[in-house]
């Protein structure tokens, strides 16, 4: 994979490379959930452009208290809600945003903030923390995702499949629940107002960097 590949292309490559590696019942559970998500249509109750970005009691990568207001400091930003570091689709998206989106945003004085419900694990060294080129925050309890209307949870079948693979969300999430944000990108302006929001029910899909940059140009310049 190259950093010039789209997220969709990299996901397709991942699917080809991993085909047949999962137990059949696990693969079937994940496929069934993705089909159900795709058929569900747009979620109701999602925050609309023009509304204020909610905030909450968050944690930074070192486990220290933080808020979005403090992090943004009155500047426009692109905020990415992802499920956690355990999610291969999230990792593909974040790596692609790092390579293709963050530099273009930096030229415009716009930051990128990535938020998940996963607890900070303290595994990053001081050097690694200093080398992060975008901000990563933990949202215990999915406070912001809930207020944005993008909160979901795995189906019973998917939960069982995750446990079979050794993934227990109650041990990964900071609040001990299985709640997850739908993969979402939010553009917020300097006044803290949502100018664009892109929500994906199917967690295997994401907004492409080009789509985000176009939305940035159209909404905040």
N, C-alpha and C. Protein backbone atom coordinates (compact mmCIF):
# COMPACT_ATOMS: atom_id res chain seq x y z
N UNK A 1 0.84 -1.20 0.00
CA UNK A 1 0.00 0.00 0.00
C UNK A 1 0.88 1.25 0.00
N UNK A 2 0.47 2.25 -0.74
CA UNK A 2 1.18 3.51 -0.75
C UNK A 2 0.30 4.57 -0.12
N UNK A 3 0.94 5.65 0.31
CA UNK A 3 0.19 6.71 0.94
C UNK A 3 -0.65 7.48 -0.05
N UNK A 4 -0.46 7.22 -1.35
CA UNK A 4 -1.28 7.89 -2.35
C UNK A 4 -2.57 7.12 -2.65
N UNK A 5 -2.69 5.92 -2.12
CA UNK A 5 -3.90 5.12 -2.31
C UNK A 5 -5.06 5.73 -1.54
N UNK A 6 -6.26 5.56 -2.07
CA UNK A 6 -7.43 6.00 -1.33
C UNK A 6 -7.69 5.04 -0.17
N UNK A 7 -8.51 5.49 0.77
CA UNK A 7 -8.89 4.61 1.87
C UNK A 7 -9.64 3.40 1.33
N UNK A 8 -10.54 3.62 0.39
CA UNK A 8 -11.32 2.53 -0.19
C UNK A 8 -10.41 1.50 -0.85
N UNK A 9 -9.38 1.94 -1.54
CA UNK A 9 -8.44 1.01 -2.18
C UNK A 9 -7.68 0.20 -1.14
N UNK A 10 -7.26 0.86 -0.07
CA UNK A 10 -6.52 0.15 0.97
C UNK A 10 -7.42 -0.84 1.71
N UNK A 11 -8.68 -0.48 1.91
CA UNK A 11 -9.62 -1.41 2.54
C UNK A 11 -9.82 -2.63 1.65
N UNK A 12 -9.95 -2.41 0.36
CA UNK A 12 -10.09 -3.53 -0.57
C UNK A 12 -8.86 -4.44 -0.52
N UNK A 13 -7.68 -3.84 -0.46
CA UNK A 13 -6.45 -4.62 -0.34
C UNK A 13 -6.44 -5.42 0.96
N UNK A 14 -6.89 -4.80 2.04
CA UNK A 14 -6.94 -5.47 3.34
C UNK A 14 -7.89 -6.67 3.28
N UNK A 15 -9.04 -6.47 2.64
CA UNK A 15 -9.99 -7.57 2.54
C UNK A 15 -9.41 -8.73 1.74
N UNK A 16 -8.71 -8.41 0.67
CA UNK A 16 -8.11 -9.48 -0.14
C UNK A 16 -7.03 -10.21 0.65
N UNK A 17 -6.21 -9.45 1.38
CA UNK A 17 -5.10 -10.06 2.12
C UNK A 17 -5.59 -10.91 3.28
N UNK A 18 -6.73 -10.53 3.87
CA UNK A 18 -7.22 -11.22 5.07
C UNK A 18 -8.27 -12.27 4.77
N UNK A 19 -8.62 -12.40 3.50
CA UNK A 19 -9.66 -13.37 3.12
C UNK A 19 -9.25 -14.78 3.56
N UNK A 20 -10.16 -15.46 4.26
CA UNK A 20 -9.91 -16.83 4.68
C UNK A 20 -9.12 -16.96 5.96
N UNK A 21 -8.68 -15.84 6.54
CA UNK A 21 -7.85 -15.92 7.76
C UNK A 21 -8.69 -15.99 9.03
N UNK A 22 -9.93 -15.50 8.97
CA UNK A 22 -10.79 -15.52 10.14
C UNK A 22 -11.62 -16.81 10.17
N UNK A 23 -11.95 -17.31 11.36
CA UNK A 23 -12.89 -18.42 11.43
C UNK A 23 -14.18 -18.07 10.69
N UNK A 24 -14.79 -19.03 10.02
CA UNK A 24 -15.94 -18.75 9.16
C UNK A 24 -17.08 -18.08 9.92
N UNK A 25 -17.34 -18.53 11.16
CA UNK A 25 -18.45 -17.94 11.91
C UNK A 25 -18.16 -16.49 12.30
N UNK A 26 -16.89 -16.17 12.52
CA UNK A 26 -16.51 -14.79 12.83
C UNK A 26 -16.67 -13.91 11.60
N UNK A 27 -16.16 -14.37 10.48
CA UNK A 27 -16.28 -13.61 9.24
C UNK A 27 -17.75 -13.39 8.87
N UNK A 28 -18.57 -14.42 9.07
CA UNK A 28 -19.99 -14.31 8.75
C UNK A 28 -20.68 -13.29 9.66
N UNK A 29 -20.29 -13.24 10.92
CA UNK A 29 -20.89 -12.27 11.85
C UNK A 29 -20.56 -10.85 11.44
N UNK A 30 -19.30 -10.60 11.08
CA UNK A 30 -18.90 -9.27 10.65
C UNK A 30 -19.60 -8.88 9.35
N UNK A 31 -19.67 -9.82 8.41
CA UNK A 31 -20.32 -9.53 7.13
C UNK A 31 -21.80 -9.23 7.32
N UNK A 32 -22.46 -9.99 8.19
CA UNK A 32 -23.88 -9.78 8.45
C UNK A 32 -24.12 -8.40 9.06
N UNK A 33 -23.23 -7.99 9.98
CA UNK A 33 -23.42 -6.68 10.59
C UNK A 33 -23.20 -5.57 9.57
N UNK A 34 -22.20 -5.70 8.72
CA UNK A 34 -21.96 -4.67 7.71
C UNK A 34 -23.12 -4.57 6.74
N UNK A 35 -23.72 -5.70 6.38
CA UNK A 35 -24.90 -5.67 5.52
C UNK A 35 -26.05 -4.94 6.21
N UNK A 36 -26.23 -5.22 7.48
CA UNK A 36 -27.32 -4.59 8.23
C UNK A 36 -27.09 -3.09 8.36
N UNK A 37 -25.84 -2.70 8.59
CA UNK A 37 -25.54 -1.27 8.71
C UNK A 37 -25.78 -0.55 7.39
N UNK A 38 -25.36 -1.18 6.30
CA UNK A 38 -25.53 -0.56 4.99
C UNK A 38 -27.00 -0.40 4.64
N UNK A 39 -27.83 -1.35 5.12
CA UNK A 39 -29.26 -1.31 4.80
C UNK A 39 -30.04 -0.38 5.73
N UNK A 40 -29.41 0.05 6.82
CA UNK A 40 -30.13 0.84 7.82
C UNK A 40 -30.43 2.26 7.37
N UNK A 41 -29.68 2.78 6.40
CA UNK A 41 -29.90 4.14 5.96
C UNK A 41 -29.29 5.15 6.91
N UNK A 42 -29.48 6.41 6.60
CA UNK A 42 -28.89 7.48 7.40
C UNK A 42 -29.44 7.47 8.82
N UNK A 43 -28.58 7.60 9.83
CA UNK A 43 -29.07 7.64 11.21
C UNK A 43 -29.86 8.91 11.48
N UNK A 44 -30.87 8.79 12.33
CA UNK A 44 -31.65 9.97 12.70
C UNK A 44 -31.03 10.62 13.94
N UNK A 45 -31.24 11.90 14.09
CA UNK A 45 -30.77 12.59 15.28
C UNK A 45 -29.33 13.04 15.24
N UNK A 46 -28.67 12.96 14.07
CA UNK A 46 -27.29 13.41 13.96
C UNK A 46 -27.25 14.94 13.99
N UNK A 47 -26.28 15.50 14.71
CA UNK A 47 -26.13 16.95 14.78
C UNK A 47 -25.99 17.54 13.38
N UNK A 48 -26.58 18.70 13.20
CA UNK A 48 -26.60 19.34 11.89
C UNK A 48 -25.63 20.51 11.82
N UNK A 49 -25.14 20.84 10.62
CA UNK A 49 -24.31 22.04 10.46
C UNK A 49 -25.03 23.27 11.01
N UNK A 50 -24.26 24.12 11.66
CA UNK A 50 -24.81 25.31 12.28
C UNK A 50 -25.02 25.17 13.77
N UNK A 51 -24.98 23.92 14.28
CA UNK A 51 -25.10 23.71 15.72
C UNK A 51 -23.71 23.72 16.36
N UNK A 52 -23.70 23.95 17.65
CA UNK A 52 -22.42 24.05 18.35
C UNK A 52 -21.85 22.67 18.65
N UNK A 53 -20.54 22.55 18.48
CA UNK A 53 -19.87 21.29 18.79
C UNK A 53 -19.94 21.04 20.28
N UNK A 54 -20.45 19.87 20.70
CA UNK A 54 -20.49 19.59 22.14
C UNK A 54 -19.10 19.33 22.70
N UNK A 55 -19.00 19.35 24.01
CA UNK A 55 -17.72 19.11 24.66
C UNK A 55 -17.94 18.11 25.79
N UNK A 56 -16.86 17.72 26.43
CA UNK A 56 -16.95 16.77 27.53
C UNK A 56 -15.63 16.70 28.27
N UNK A 57 -15.61 15.87 29.30
CA UNK A 57 -14.40 15.67 30.09
C UNK A 57 -13.59 14.55 29.43
N UNK A 58 -12.59 14.96 28.66
CA UNK A 58 -11.81 14.02 27.86
C UNK A 58 -10.45 13.76 28.51
N UNK A 59 -9.69 12.86 27.89
CA UNK A 59 -8.33 12.55 28.34
C UNK A 59 -7.39 12.62 27.15
N UNK A 60 -6.18 13.15 27.36
CA UNK A 60 -5.20 13.14 26.29
C UNK A 60 -4.46 11.80 26.28
N UNK A 61 -3.49 11.64 25.38
CA UNK A 61 -2.83 10.34 25.24
C UNK A 61 -2.03 9.95 26.49
N UNK A 62 -1.72 10.93 27.33
CA UNK A 62 -1.01 10.63 28.57
C UNK A 62 -1.97 10.39 29.73
N UNK A 63 -3.28 10.43 29.44
CA UNK A 63 -4.27 10.21 30.48
C UNK A 63 -4.59 11.44 31.31
N UNK A 64 -4.16 12.61 30.83
CA UNK A 64 -4.43 13.85 31.56
C UNK A 64 -5.75 14.47 31.10
N UNK A 65 -6.46 15.16 32.01
CA UNK A 65 -7.75 15.76 31.64
C UNK A 65 -7.60 16.77 30.50
N UNK A 66 -8.58 16.79 29.64
CA UNK A 66 -8.58 17.71 28.51
C UNK A 66 -10.03 17.96 28.09
N UNK A 67 -10.22 19.03 27.35
CA UNK A 67 -11.52 19.30 26.73
C UNK A 67 -11.27 19.69 25.28
N UNK A 68 -12.31 19.60 24.47
CA UNK A 68 -12.16 20.03 23.08
C UNK A 68 -11.92 21.52 23.01
N UNK A 69 -12.61 22.29 23.85
CA UNK A 69 -12.44 23.74 23.83
C UNK A 69 -10.99 24.11 24.10
N UNK A 70 -10.38 23.46 25.07
CA UNK A 70 -8.97 23.73 25.37
C UNK A 70 -8.09 23.31 24.21
N UNK A 71 -8.39 22.18 23.62
CA UNK A 71 -7.56 21.64 22.55
C UNK A 71 -7.64 22.51 21.30
N UNK A 72 -8.83 22.95 20.94
CA UNK A 72 -9.01 23.74 19.72
C UNK A 72 -8.55 25.18 19.88
N UNK A 73 -8.64 25.73 21.09
CA UNK A 73 -8.16 27.09 21.39
C UNK A 73 -8.72 28.12 20.40
N UNK A 74 -9.99 27.99 20.06
CA UNK A 74 -10.62 28.97 19.20
C UNK A 74 -10.18 28.92 17.74
N UNK A 75 -9.67 27.77 17.30
CA UNK A 75 -9.22 27.64 15.91
C UNK A 75 -10.09 26.59 15.19
N UNK A 76 -10.25 26.73 13.88
CA UNK A 76 -11.00 25.71 13.13
C UNK A 76 -10.26 24.38 13.15
N UNK A 77 -11.00 23.31 12.99
CA UNK A 77 -10.37 21.99 13.06
C UNK A 77 -11.21 20.95 12.33
N UNK A 78 -10.55 19.87 11.98
CA UNK A 78 -11.21 18.67 11.49
C UNK A 78 -11.14 17.64 12.61
N UNK A 79 -12.28 17.12 13.00
CA UNK A 79 -12.34 16.18 14.12
C UNK A 79 -12.79 14.82 13.59
N UNK A 80 -11.99 13.81 13.86
CA UNK A 80 -12.25 12.46 13.37
C UNK A 80 -12.64 11.57 14.55
N UNK A 81 -13.82 11.00 14.48
CA UNK A 81 -14.26 10.04 15.50
C UNK A 81 -13.99 8.63 14.97
N UNK A 82 -13.21 7.86 15.73
CA UNK A 82 -12.88 6.50 15.31
C UNK A 82 -13.14 5.53 16.45
N UNK A 83 -13.20 4.25 16.13
CA UNK A 83 -13.63 3.25 17.11
C UNK A 83 -12.55 2.86 18.09
N UNK A 84 -11.30 2.79 17.63
CA UNK A 84 -10.20 2.45 18.52
C UNK A 84 -9.02 1.91 17.74
N UNK A 85 -7.89 1.82 18.41
CA UNK A 85 -6.68 1.35 17.76
C UNK A 85 -6.74 -0.11 17.36
N UNK A 86 -7.72 -0.86 17.87
CA UNK A 86 -7.90 -2.27 17.54
C UNK A 86 -8.59 -2.45 16.18
N UNK A 87 -9.17 -1.39 15.64
CA UNK A 87 -9.97 -1.46 14.42
C UNK A 87 -9.09 -1.27 13.19
N UNK A 88 -8.93 -2.26 12.33
CA UNK A 88 -8.05 -2.12 11.16
C UNK A 88 -8.49 -1.02 10.21
N UNK A 89 -9.79 -0.82 10.10
CA UNK A 89 -10.29 0.23 9.19
C UNK A 89 -9.95 1.62 9.74
N UNK A 90 -10.01 1.75 11.05
CA UNK A 90 -9.63 3.02 11.68
C UNK A 90 -8.15 3.31 11.45
N UNK A 91 -7.32 2.28 11.59
CA UNK A 91 -5.88 2.46 11.40
C UNK A 91 -5.56 2.86 9.96
N UNK A 92 -6.24 2.24 9.01
CA UNK A 92 -6.05 2.61 7.61
C UNK A 92 -6.42 4.07 7.41
N UNK A 93 -7.57 4.47 7.95
CA UNK A 93 -8.03 5.85 7.77
C UNK A 93 -7.09 6.85 8.42
N UNK A 94 -6.67 6.57 9.66
CA UNK A 94 -5.81 7.53 10.36
C UNK A 94 -4.45 7.65 9.68
N UNK A 95 -3.90 6.53 9.21
CA UNK A 95 -2.61 6.61 8.49
C UNK A 95 -2.76 7.44 7.20
N UNK A 96 -3.87 7.26 6.53
CA UNK A 96 -4.10 8.00 5.29
C UNK A 96 -4.32 9.48 5.58
N UNK A 97 -5.07 9.79 6.62
CA UNK A 97 -5.26 11.20 6.99
C UNK A 97 -3.93 11.84 7.38
N UNK A 98 -3.09 11.07 8.10
CA UNK A 98 -1.77 11.60 8.47
C UNK A 98 -0.96 11.96 7.23
N UNK A 99 -0.97 11.08 6.24
CA UNK A 99 -0.14 11.28 5.04
C UNK A 99 -0.73 12.28 4.07
N UNK A 100 -2.03 12.25 3.89
CA UNK A 100 -2.64 13.02 2.80
C UNK A 100 -3.44 14.24 3.26
N UNK A 101 -3.90 14.23 4.49
CA UNK A 101 -4.78 15.30 4.95
C UNK A 101 -4.11 16.28 5.89
N UNK A 102 -3.37 15.77 6.86
CA UNK A 102 -2.77 16.65 7.88
C UNK A 102 -1.87 17.72 7.27
N UNK A 103 -0.98 17.40 6.33
CA UNK A 103 -0.12 18.46 5.76
C UNK A 103 -0.92 19.54 5.05
N UNK A 104 -1.96 19.16 4.31
CA UNK A 104 -2.77 20.15 3.60
C UNK A 104 -3.55 21.02 4.57
N UNK A 105 -4.01 20.43 5.66
CA UNK A 105 -4.71 21.22 6.67
C UNK A 105 -3.76 22.19 7.36
N UNK A 106 -2.54 21.71 7.66
CA UNK A 106 -1.57 22.55 8.35
C UNK A 106 -1.26 23.81 7.55
N UNK A 107 -1.24 23.68 6.22
CA UNK A 107 -0.98 24.85 5.37
C UNK A 107 -2.06 25.92 5.54
N UNK A 108 -3.23 25.51 5.97
CA UNK A 108 -4.35 26.43 6.15
C UNK A 108 -4.54 26.82 7.62
N UNK A 109 -3.64 26.34 8.48
CA UNK A 109 -3.75 26.64 9.90
C UNK A 109 -4.88 25.89 10.58
N UNK A 110 -5.20 24.73 10.05
CA UNK A 110 -6.30 23.92 10.59
C UNK A 110 -5.72 22.63 11.16
N UNK A 111 -6.10 22.30 12.37
CA UNK A 111 -5.60 21.09 13.00
C UNK A 111 -6.52 19.90 12.79
N UNK A 112 -6.02 18.72 13.11
CA UNK A 112 -6.83 17.51 13.09
C UNK A 112 -6.80 16.89 14.48
N UNK A 113 -7.97 16.52 14.96
CA UNK A 113 -8.11 15.90 16.28
C UNK A 113 -8.83 14.56 16.08
N UNK A 114 -8.26 13.48 16.60
CA UNK A 114 -8.87 12.16 16.51
C UNK A 114 -9.36 11.74 17.89
N UNK A 115 -10.62 11.27 17.95
CA UNK A 115 -11.26 10.95 19.23
C UNK A 115 -11.83 9.55 19.19
N UNK A 116 -11.56 8.76 20.23
CA UNK A 116 -12.17 7.43 20.36
C UNK A 116 -12.52 7.21 21.83
N UNK A 117 -13.35 6.19 22.11
CA UNK A 117 -13.67 5.88 23.51
C UNK A 117 -12.61 5.03 24.19
N UNK A 118 -11.57 4.66 23.45
CA UNK A 118 -10.54 3.78 24.00
C UNK A 118 -9.75 4.49 25.09
N UNK A 119 -9.47 3.78 26.16
CA UNK A 119 -8.71 4.36 27.26
C UNK A 119 -7.26 4.58 26.86
N UNK A 120 -6.67 5.72 27.25
CA UNK A 120 -5.23 5.90 27.01
C UNK A 120 -4.48 4.81 27.76
N UNK A 121 -3.58 4.11 27.07
CA UNK A 121 -2.92 2.97 27.72
C UNK A 121 -1.54 3.30 28.27
N UNK A 122 -1.09 4.54 28.05
CA UNK A 122 0.19 4.93 28.60
C UNK A 122 1.38 4.29 27.94
N UNK A 123 1.18 3.67 26.78
CA UNK A 123 2.27 2.93 26.14
C UNK A 123 3.19 3.83 25.32
N UNK A 124 2.75 5.04 25.05
CA UNK A 124 3.58 5.94 24.24
C UNK A 124 4.67 6.58 25.08
N UNK A 125 5.87 6.61 24.54
CA UNK A 125 6.98 7.26 25.24
C UNK A 125 6.87 8.77 25.08
N UNK A 126 7.66 9.50 25.85
CA UNK A 126 7.68 10.95 25.74
C UNK A 126 8.06 11.37 24.33
N UNK A 127 9.02 10.67 23.75
CA UNK A 127 9.43 10.98 22.38
C UNK A 127 8.29 10.76 21.40
N UNK A 128 7.58 9.65 21.54
CA UNK A 128 6.45 9.36 20.65
C UNK A 128 5.34 10.39 20.81
N UNK A 129 5.08 10.79 22.05
CA UNK A 129 4.06 11.80 22.29
C UNK A 129 4.39 13.10 21.57
N UNK A 130 5.68 13.48 21.62
CA UNK A 130 6.10 14.73 20.99
C UNK A 130 6.04 14.64 19.46
N UNK A 131 6.13 13.42 18.91
CA UNK A 131 6.16 13.26 17.47
C UNK A 131 4.77 13.13 16.83
N UNK A 132 3.72 13.04 17.66
CA UNK A 132 2.38 12.99 17.09
C UNK A 132 2.11 14.30 16.35
N UNK A 133 1.64 14.20 15.12
CA UNK A 133 1.39 15.42 14.35
C UNK A 133 -0.08 15.79 14.35
N UNK A 134 -0.91 14.97 14.98
CA UNK A 134 -2.28 15.41 15.23
C UNK A 134 -2.65 14.97 16.64
N UNK A 135 -3.65 15.61 17.19
CA UNK A 135 -4.03 15.38 18.58
C UNK A 135 -4.95 14.16 18.68
N UNK A 136 -4.66 13.29 19.65
CA UNK A 136 -5.49 12.12 19.92
C UNK A 136 -6.09 12.26 21.32
N UNK A 137 -7.40 12.12 21.41
CA UNK A 137 -8.10 12.26 22.68
C UNK A 137 -8.97 11.03 22.93
N UNK A 138 -9.16 10.73 24.22
CA UNK A 138 -10.07 9.68 24.64
C UNK A 138 -11.34 10.32 25.18
N UNK A 139 -12.49 9.77 24.76
CA UNK A 139 -13.79 10.29 25.20
C UNK A 139 -14.47 9.22 26.04
N UNK A 140 -14.15 9.15 27.35
CA UNK A 140 -14.77 8.14 28.21
C UNK A 140 -16.29 8.28 28.22
N UNK A 141 -16.97 7.20 27.95
CA UNK A 141 -18.43 7.25 27.95
C UNK A 141 -19.02 7.77 26.66
N UNK A 142 -18.18 8.01 25.66
CA UNK A 142 -18.67 8.54 24.38
C UNK A 142 -19.56 9.77 24.59
N UNK A 143 -19.09 10.68 25.44
CA UNK A 143 -19.89 11.86 25.77
C UNK A 143 -20.22 12.68 24.51
N UNK A 144 -19.18 12.93 23.71
CA UNK A 144 -19.38 13.79 22.54
C UNK A 144 -20.12 13.03 21.45
N UNK A 145 -19.75 11.77 21.22
CA UNK A 145 -20.43 10.96 20.22
C UNK A 145 -21.92 10.87 20.52
N UNK A 146 -22.27 10.70 21.78
CA UNK A 146 -23.67 10.63 22.17
C UNK A 146 -24.41 11.91 21.86
N UNK A 147 -23.80 13.05 22.17
CA UNK A 147 -24.44 14.33 21.90
C UNK A 147 -24.55 14.64 20.41
N UNK A 148 -23.61 14.08 19.63
CA UNK A 148 -23.66 14.28 18.18
C UNK A 148 -24.65 13.34 17.50
N UNK A 149 -25.14 12.34 18.23
CA UNK A 149 -26.07 11.38 17.64
C UNK A 149 -25.41 10.32 16.79
N UNK A 150 -24.13 10.03 17.08
CA UNK A 150 -23.39 9.06 16.27
C UNK A 150 -22.96 7.85 17.10
N UNK A 151 -23.61 7.62 18.22
CA UNK A 151 -23.23 6.52 19.10
C UNK A 151 -23.93 5.23 18.70
N UNK A 152 -23.20 4.15 18.68
CA UNK A 152 -23.76 2.85 18.35
C UNK A 152 -23.07 1.80 19.22
N UNK A 153 -23.35 0.53 18.94
CA UNK A 153 -22.72 -0.57 19.68
C UNK A 153 -22.78 -1.80 18.79
N UNK A 154 -21.85 -2.73 18.94
CA UNK A 154 -21.87 -3.94 18.11
C UNK A 154 -23.10 -4.79 18.39
N UNK A 155 -23.55 -5.51 17.36
CA UNK A 155 -24.66 -6.45 17.55
C UNK A 155 -24.20 -7.61 18.44
N UNK A 156 -25.16 -8.39 18.91
CA UNK A 156 -24.81 -9.53 19.76
C UNK A 156 -23.88 -10.49 19.01
N UNK A 157 -24.16 -10.70 17.71
CA UNK A 157 -23.32 -11.60 16.93
C UNK A 157 -21.91 -11.08 16.78
N UNK A 158 -21.80 -9.78 16.53
CA UNK A 158 -20.47 -9.18 16.39
C UNK A 158 -19.73 -9.17 17.72
N UNK A 159 -20.45 -8.91 18.79
CA UNK A 159 -19.83 -8.93 20.12
C UNK A 159 -19.25 -10.31 20.41
N UNK A 160 -19.99 -11.35 20.10
CA UNK A 160 -19.50 -12.71 20.31
C UNK A 160 -18.28 -13.00 19.44
N UNK A 161 -18.32 -12.50 18.19
CA UNK A 161 -17.18 -12.70 17.29
C UNK A 161 -15.95 -11.97 17.79
N UNK A 162 -16.14 -10.75 18.30
CA UNK A 162 -15.02 -9.99 18.85
C UNK A 162 -14.40 -10.73 20.04
N UNK A 163 -15.24 -11.25 20.91
CA UNK A 163 -14.74 -11.98 22.07
C UNK A 163 -13.99 -13.23 21.64
N UNK A 164 -14.45 -13.88 20.58
CA UNK A 164 -13.76 -15.06 20.07
C UNK A 164 -12.36 -14.71 19.59
N UNK A 165 -12.21 -13.47 19.09
CA UNK A 165 -10.90 -13.01 18.62
C UNK A 165 -10.06 -12.40 19.73
N UNK A 166 -10.60 -12.36 20.95
CA UNK A 166 -9.86 -11.81 22.08
C UNK A 166 -10.06 -10.34 22.30
N UNK A 167 -11.04 -9.74 21.61
CA UNK A 167 -11.32 -8.32 21.79
C UNK A 167 -12.54 -8.15 22.68
N UNK A 168 -12.32 -7.60 23.86
CA UNK A 168 -13.41 -7.31 24.79
C UNK A 168 -13.50 -5.80 24.95
N UNK A 169 -14.50 -5.20 24.33
CA UNK A 169 -14.61 -3.74 24.36
C UNK A 169 -14.77 -3.20 25.77
N UNK A 170 -15.32 -4.00 26.68
CA UNK A 170 -15.48 -3.51 28.05
C UNK A 170 -14.13 -3.35 28.74
N UNK A 171 -13.10 -4.02 28.21
CA UNK A 171 -11.75 -3.85 28.74
C UNK A 171 -10.96 -2.79 27.99
N UNK A 172 -11.42 -2.45 26.79
CA UNK A 172 -10.72 -1.49 25.94
C UNK A 172 -11.25 -0.07 26.13
N UNK A 173 -12.58 0.04 26.18
CA UNK A 173 -13.19 1.36 26.33
C UNK A 173 -12.95 1.92 27.73
N UNK A 174 -12.78 3.22 27.79
CA UNK A 174 -12.45 3.86 29.06
C UNK A 174 -13.55 3.72 30.10
N UNK A 175 -14.81 3.55 29.67
CA UNK A 175 -15.91 3.49 30.64
C UNK A 175 -16.42 2.07 30.86
N UNK A 176 -15.77 1.07 30.25
CA UNK A 176 -16.16 -0.31 30.47
C UNK A 176 -17.42 -0.75 29.75
N UNK A 177 -17.85 0.01 28.73
CA UNK A 177 -19.03 -0.36 27.95
C UNK A 177 -18.60 -0.82 26.56
N UNK A 178 -19.58 -1.17 25.72
CA UNK A 178 -19.29 -1.56 24.34
C UNK A 178 -19.68 -0.46 23.35
N UNK A 179 -19.99 0.73 23.85
CA UNK A 179 -20.39 1.83 22.97
C UNK A 179 -19.27 2.26 22.04
N UNK A 180 -19.65 2.57 20.79
CA UNK A 180 -18.67 3.00 19.79
C UNK A 180 -19.26 4.15 18.97
N UNK A 181 -18.41 5.08 18.54
CA UNK A 181 -18.90 6.10 17.62
C UNK A 181 -18.96 5.54 16.20
N UNK A 182 -19.97 5.94 15.44
CA UNK A 182 -19.92 5.67 14.01
C UNK A 182 -18.75 6.47 13.43
N UNK A 183 -17.98 5.90 12.52
CA UNK A 183 -16.88 6.67 11.93
C UNK A 183 -17.40 7.98 11.35
N UNK A 184 -16.87 9.07 11.85
CA UNK A 184 -17.43 10.39 11.52
C UNK A 184 -16.32 11.42 11.40
N UNK A 185 -16.48 12.34 10.45
CA UNK A 185 -15.59 13.48 10.33
C UNK A 185 -16.43 14.74 10.50
N UNK A 186 -15.98 15.64 11.37
CA UNK A 186 -16.67 16.90 11.63
C UNK A 186 -15.72 18.05 11.35
N UNK A 187 -16.19 19.04 10.61
CA UNK A 187 -15.43 20.27 10.42
C UNK A 187 -16.08 21.33 11.30
N UNK A 188 -15.27 21.93 12.15
CA UNK A 188 -15.76 22.96 13.07
C UNK A 188 -15.02 24.25 12.81
N UNK A 189 -15.72 25.38 12.87
CA UNK A 189 -15.07 26.66 12.60
C UNK A 189 -14.50 27.26 13.87
N UNK A 190 -13.92 28.45 13.75
CA UNK A 190 -13.24 29.08 14.89
C UNK A 190 -14.20 29.44 16.02
N UNK A 191 -15.49 29.52 15.71
CA UNK A 191 -16.49 29.84 16.73
C UNK A 191 -17.06 28.60 17.40
N UNK A 192 -16.55 27.43 17.01
CA UNK A 192 -17.02 26.20 17.61
C UNK A 192 -18.31 25.67 17.01
N UNK A 193 -18.67 26.14 15.81
CA UNK A 193 -19.88 25.68 15.14
C UNK A 193 -19.55 24.59 14.12
N UNK A 194 -20.38 23.59 14.07
CA UNK A 194 -20.22 22.53 13.09
C UNK A 194 -20.56 23.08 11.71
N UNK A 195 -19.64 22.93 10.77
CA UNK A 195 -19.88 23.41 9.42
C UNK A 195 -20.13 22.27 8.44
N UNK A 196 -19.67 21.07 8.79
CA UNK A 196 -19.84 19.89 7.92
C UNK A 196 -19.69 18.65 8.78
N UNK A 197 -20.53 17.64 8.51
CA UNK A 197 -20.44 16.39 9.26
C UNK A 197 -20.71 15.23 8.30
N UNK A 198 -19.85 14.23 8.34
CA UNK A 198 -19.95 13.07 7.47
C UNK A 198 -19.93 11.82 8.33
N UNK A 199 -21.05 11.08 8.34
CA UNK A 199 -21.21 9.93 9.22
C UNK A 199 -21.30 8.66 8.38
N UNK A 200 -20.56 7.62 8.79
CA UNK A 200 -20.58 6.34 8.09
C UNK A 200 -21.11 5.26 9.01
N UNK A 201 -22.28 4.71 8.67
CA UNK A 201 -22.81 3.60 9.44
C UNK A 201 -21.94 2.37 9.28
N UNK A 202 -21.50 2.11 8.05
CA UNK A 202 -20.64 0.96 7.77
C UNK A 202 -19.21 1.33 8.16
N UNK A 203 -18.69 0.68 9.19
CA UNK A 203 -17.38 1.05 9.73
C UNK A 203 -16.23 0.68 8.80
N UNK A 204 -16.50 0.00 7.70
CA UNK A 204 -15.45 -0.33 6.74
C UNK A 204 -15.24 0.79 5.73
N UNK A 205 -16.05 1.84 5.80
CA UNK A 205 -15.93 2.97 4.88
C UNK A 205 -15.58 4.24 5.65
N UNK A 206 -14.99 5.19 4.96
CA UNK A 206 -14.58 6.46 5.57
C UNK A 206 -14.65 7.59 4.54
N UNK A 207 -14.72 8.83 5.03
CA UNK A 207 -14.56 9.98 4.15
C UNK A 207 -13.13 10.00 3.64
N UNK A 208 -12.97 10.21 2.33
CA UNK A 208 -11.63 10.29 1.75
C UNK A 208 -11.02 11.66 2.02
N UNK A 209 -9.69 11.74 2.09
CA UNK A 209 -9.04 13.04 2.33
C UNK A 209 -9.49 14.13 1.36
N UNK A 210 -9.65 13.79 0.09
CA UNK A 210 -10.07 14.79 -0.89
C UNK A 210 -11.45 15.33 -0.60
N UNK A 211 -12.34 14.47 -0.13
CA UNK A 211 -13.69 14.93 0.23
C UNK A 211 -13.63 15.90 1.40
N UNK A 212 -12.78 15.58 2.38
CA UNK A 212 -12.67 16.44 3.55
C UNK A 212 -12.09 17.80 3.16
N UNK A 213 -11.04 17.78 2.34
CA UNK A 213 -10.42 19.05 1.92
C UNK A 213 -11.39 19.90 1.12
N UNK A 214 -12.18 19.28 0.25
CA UNK A 214 -13.17 20.02 -0.51
C UNK A 214 -14.19 20.66 0.41
N UNK A 215 -14.63 19.90 1.42
CA UNK A 215 -15.59 20.44 2.39
C UNK A 215 -14.98 21.58 3.19
N UNK A 216 -13.70 21.44 3.56
CA UNK A 216 -13.02 22.53 4.27
C UNK A 216 -13.02 23.79 3.43
N UNK A 217 -12.68 23.67 2.15
CA UNK A 217 -12.64 24.82 1.23
C UNK A 217 -14.01 25.46 1.12
N UNK A 218 -15.04 24.65 1.04
CA UNK A 218 -16.39 25.16 0.82
C UNK A 218 -17.01 25.76 2.08
N UNK A 219 -16.52 25.34 3.25
CA UNK A 219 -17.19 25.78 4.48
C UNK A 219 -16.40 26.81 5.29
N UNK A 220 -15.09 26.63 5.36
CA UNK A 220 -14.32 27.59 6.17
C UNK A 220 -13.15 28.18 5.41
N UNK A 221 -12.98 27.84 4.14
CA UNK A 221 -11.96 28.47 3.31
C UNK A 221 -10.58 27.86 3.46
